[in-house]
PDB file of N, CA and C in Angstrom:
ATOM      1  N   GLU A   1     108.911 170.521  61.294  1.00  0.00           N
ATOM      2  CA  GLU A   1     110.356 171.005  61.881  1.00  0.00           C
ATOM      3  C   GLU A   1     110.259 172.615  62.430  1.00  0.00           C
ATOM      4  N   ASP A   2     110.945 172.701  63.522  1.00  0.00           N
ATOM      5  CA  ASP A   2     110.624 174.355  64.260  1.00  0.00           C
ATOM      6  C   ASP A   2     112.460 174.710  64.265  1.00  0.00           C
ATOM      7  N   ILE A   3     112.940 174.896  62.887  1.00  0.00           N
ATOM      8  CA  ILE A   3     114.175 175.422  62.893  1.00  0.00           C
ATOM      9  C   ILE A   3     114.630 176.463  63.706  1.00  0.00           C
ATOM     10  N   ARG A   4     113.379 177.426  63.639  1.00  0.00           N
ATOM     11  CA  ARG A   4     113.743 178.858  64.727  1.00  0.00           C
ATOM     12  C   ARG A   4     113.395 178.436  66.048  1.00  0.00           C
ATOM     13  N   GLU A   5     113.084 177.314  66.627  1.00  0.00           N
ATOM     14  CA  GLU A   5     112.563 177.421  67.979  1.00  0.00           C
ATOM     15  C   GLU A   5     111.646 178.093  68.805  1.00  0.00           C
ATOM     16  N   GLN A   6     110.309 178.171  67.697  1.00  0.00           N
ATOM     17  CA  GLN A   6     109.517 179.109  68.335  1.00  0.00           C
ATOM     18  C   GLN A   6     108.279 178.612  68.784  1.00  0.00           C
ATOM     19  N   ARG A   7     108.279 177.175  68.664  1.00  0.00           N
ATOM     20  CA  ARG A   7     107.369 176.314  69.422  1.00  0.00           C
ATOM     21  C   ARG A   7     107.732 175.728  70.942  1.00  0.00           C
ATOM     22  N   ASP A   8     106.935 176.039  71.701  1.00  0.00           N
ATOM     23  CA  ASP A   8     107.107 175.625  73.233  1.00  0.00           C
ATOM     24  C   ASP A   8     106.838 174.482  73.444  1.00  0.00           C
ATOM     25  N   VAL A   9     107.436 173.284  73.449  1.00  0.00           N
ATOM     26  CA  VAL A   9     107.283 172.255  73.660  1.00  0.00           C
ATOM     27  C   VAL A   9     107.143 171.537  75.365  1.00  0.00           C
ATOM     28  N   ALA A  10     107.406 172.456  75.848  1.00  0.00           N
ATOM     29  CA  ALA A  10     107.780 171.993  77.596  1.00  0.00           C
ATOM     30  C   ALA A  10     106.531 171.385  78.042  1.00  0.00           C
ATOM     31  N   GLY A  11     105.125 171.656  77.802  1.00  0.00           N
ATOM     32  CA  GLY A  11     104.092 171.415  78.484  1.00  0.00           C
ATOM     33  C   GLY A  11     104.032 170.012  77.578  1.00  0.00           C
ATOM     34  N   GLU A  12     104.418 169.604  76.801  1.00  0.00           N
ATOM     35  CA  GLU A  12     104.323 168.224  76.192  1.00  0.00           C
ATOM     36  C   GLU A  12     105.085 167.266  76.608  1.00  0.00           C
ATOM     37  N   HIS A  13     106.509 167.659  77.436  1.00  0.00           N
ATOM     38  CA  HIS A  13     107.399 166.912  78.051  1.00  0.00           C
ATOM     39  C   HIS A  13     107.833 167.178  79.218  1.00  0.00           C
ATOM     40  N   PRO A  14     107.074 167.262  79.913  1.00  0.00           N
ATOM     41  CA  PRO A  14     107.205 167.873  81.585  1.00  0.00           C
ATOM     42  C   PRO A  14     108.173 166.951  82.347  1.00  0.00           C
ATOM     43  N   GLU A  15     108.562 165.758  82.065  1.00  0.00           N
ATOM     44  CA  GLU A  15     109.636 165.010  82.497  1.00  0.00           C
ATOM     45  C   GLU A  15     110.940 165.578  81.927  1.00  0.00           C
ATOM     46  N   VAL A  16     110.912 166.248  81.063  1.00  0.00           N
ATOM     47  CA  VAL A  16     112.166 166.632  80.463  1.00  0.00           C
ATOM     48  C   VAL A  16     112.380 167.782  81.142  1.00  0.00           C
ATOM     49  N   VAL A  17     111.486 168.769  81.423  1.00  0.00           N
ATOM     50  CA  VAL A  17     111.712 169.832  81.664  1.00  0.00           C
ATOM     51  C   VAL A  17     112.231 169.848  83.405  1.00  0.00           C
ATOM     52  N   ASP A  18     111.441 168.660  84.063  1.00  0.00           N
ATOM     53  CA  ASP A  18     111.776 168.416  85.457  1.00  0.00           C
ATOM     54  C   ASP A  18     113.406 167.985  85.339  1.00  0.00           C
ATOM     55  N   SER A  19     113.887 167.150  84.627  1.00  0.00           N
ATOM     56  CA  SER A  19     115.283 166.498  84.736  1.00  0.00           C
ATOM     57  C   SER A  19     116.082 167.706  84.451  1.00  0.00           C
ATOM     58  N   ILE A  20     115.859 168.538  83.248  1.00  0.00           N
ATOM     59  CA  ILE A  20     116.704 169.574  83.184  1.00  0.00           C
ATOM     60  C   ILE A  20     116.547 170.456  84.350  1.00  0.00           C
ATOM     61  N   ARG A  21     115.654 170.428  84.859  1.00  0.00           N
ATOM     62  CA  ARG A  21     115.755 171.804  86.291  1.00  0.00           C
ATOM     63  C   ARG A  21     116.544 170.872  87.388  1.00  0.00           C
ATOM     64  N   THR A  22     116.287 169.747  87.558  1.00  0.00           N
ATOM     65  CA  THR A  22     117.210 168.868  88.346  1.00  0.00           C
ATOM     66  C   THR A  22     118.549 169.217  88.195  1.00  0.00           C
ATOM     67  N   ILE A  23     119.011 169.028  87.089  1.00  0.00           N
ATOM     68  CA  ILE A  23     120.504 169.220  86.440  1.00  0.00           C
ATOM     69  C   ILE A  23     121.045 170.611  86.881  1.00  0.00           C
ATOM     70  N   MET A  24     120.137 171.320  86.315  1.00  0.00           N
ATOM     71  CA  MET A  24     120.665 172.985  86.508  1.00  0.00           C
ATOM     72  C   MET A  24     120.757 173.070  88.162  1.00  0.00           C
ATOM     73  N   GLU A  25     119.890 173.076  88.668  1.00  0.00           N
ATOM     74  CA  GLU A  25     120.138 173.246  90.046  1.00  0.00           C
ATOM     75  C   GLU A  25     121.083 172.741  91.130  1.00  0.00           C
ATOM     76  N   ARG A  26     121.522 171.526  90.734  1.00  0.00           N
ATOM     77  CA  ARG A  26     122.616 170.726  91.321  1.00  0.00           C
ATOM     78  C   ARG A  26     123.945 170.985  90.524  1.00  0.00           C
ATOM     79  N   GLU A  27     123.973 171.687  89.572  1.00  0.00           N
ATOM     80  CA  GLU A  27     125.283 171.749  88.662  1.00  0.00           C
ATOM     81  C   GLU A  27     125.351 173.439  89.409  1.00  0.00           C
ATOM     82  N   HIS A  28     124.472 174.212  89.848  1.00  0.00           N
ATOM     83  CA  HIS A  28     124.675 175.625  89.868  1.00  0.00           C
ATOM     84  C   HIS A  28     125.696 175.919  91.080  1.00  0.00           C
ATOM     85  N   THR A  29     126.667 176.937  90.843  1.00  0.00           N
ATOM     86  CA  THR A  29     127.380 177.372  91.807  1.00  0.00           C
ATOM     87  C   THR A  29     127.550 178.753  91.669  1.00  0.00           C
ATOM     88  N   VAL A  30     127.431 179.552  92.971  1.00  0.00           N
ATOM     89  CA  VAL A  30     127.450 180.830  92.797  1.00  0.00           C
ATOM     90  C   VAL A  30     128.861 181.525  92.563  1.00  0.00           C
ATOM     91  N   PRO A  31     128.910 182.442  91.302  1.00  0.00           N
ATOM     92  CA  PRO A  31     130.125 182.969  90.958  1.00  0.00           C
ATOM     93  C   PRO A  31     131.035 183.820  91.911  1.00  0.00           C
ATOM     94  N   GLU A  32     132.107 183.480  91.355  1.00  0.00           N
ATOM     95  CA  GLU A  32     132.912 184.244  92.634  1.00  0.00           C
ATOM     96  C   GLU A  32     133.051 186.049  92.440  1.00  0.00           C
ATOM     97  N   LEU A  33     132.656 186.328  90.860  1.00  0.00           N
ATOM     98  CA  LEU A  33     132.444 187.784  90.868  1.00  0.00           C
ATOM     99  C   LEU A  33     131.416 188.083  91.113  1.00  0.00           C
ATOM    100  N   GLU A  34     131.147 189.145  92.026  1.00  0.00           N
ATOM    101  CA  GLU A  34     129.672 189.747  92.406  1.00  0.00           C
ATOM    102  C   GLU A  34     128.887 190.166  91.183  1.00  0.00           C
ATOM    103  N   ARG A  35     129.513 190.855  90.324  1.00  0.00           N
ATOM    104  CA  ARG A  35     128.681 191.256  89.027  1.00  0.00           C
ATOM    105  C   ARG A  35     128.000 190.206  88.280  1.00  0.00           C
ATOM    106  N   PHE A  36     128.435 188.930  88.473  1.00  0.00           N
ATOM    107  CA  PHE A  36     127.919 187.894  87.660  1.00  0.00           C
ATOM    108  C   PHE A  36     126.576 186.852  88.847  1.00  0.00           C
ATOM    109  N   ARG A  37     126.589 187.438  89.732  1.00  0.00           N
ATOM    110  CA  ARG A  37     125.559 186.900  90.651  1.00  0.00           C
ATOM    111  C   ARG A  37     124.220 187.217  90.208  1.00  0.00           C
ATOM    112  N   MET A  38     123.091 186.389  90.303  1.00  0.00           N
ATOM    113  CA  MET A  38     121.742 186.578  89.778  1.00  0.00           C
ATOM    114  C   MET A  38     121.107 186.052  91.253  1.00  0.00           C
ATOM    115  N   GLU A  39     120.117 187.105  91.717  1.00  0.00           N
ATOM    116  CA  GLU A  39     119.364 187.050  92.784  1.00  0.00           C
ATOM    117  C   GLU A  39     118.276 186.066  92.330  1.00  0.00           C
ATOM    118  N   ALA A  40     117.750 186.162  91.453  1.00  0.00           N
ATOM    119  CA  ALA A  40     116.975 185.227  90.950  1.00  0.00           C
ATOM    120  C   ALA A  40     117.179 183.467  91.216  1.00  0.00           C
ATOM    121  N   LEU A  41     118.680 183.463  91.209  1.00  0.00           N
ATOM    122  CA  LEU A  41     119.191 182.028  91.403  1.00  0.00           C
ATOM    123  C   LEU A  41     119.683 181.607  92.694  1.00  0.00           C
ATOM    124  N   GLY A  42     119.239 182.794  93.531  1.00  0.00           N
ATOM    125  CA  GLY A  42     119.730 182.615  95.194  1.00  0.00           C
ATOM    126  C   GLY A  42     121.139 182.871  95.410  1.00  0.00           C
ATOM    127  N   ASP A  43     121.861 183.702  94.388  1.00  0.00           N
ATOM    128  CA  ASP A  43     123.168 184.027  94.890  1.00  0.00           C
ATOM    129  C   ASP A  43     123.177 185.058  95.653  1.00  0.00           C
TER     130      ASP A  43
END
């Protein structure tokens, strides 16, 4: 077990990573308040 979640398993499950990325990109909305906008997300 990895209760502390210290082991990165993303490389072992690229299909899960791709699925999560797709969902996050689809569901992201630009925050109304400018101080919560993130340039890294294209806001």
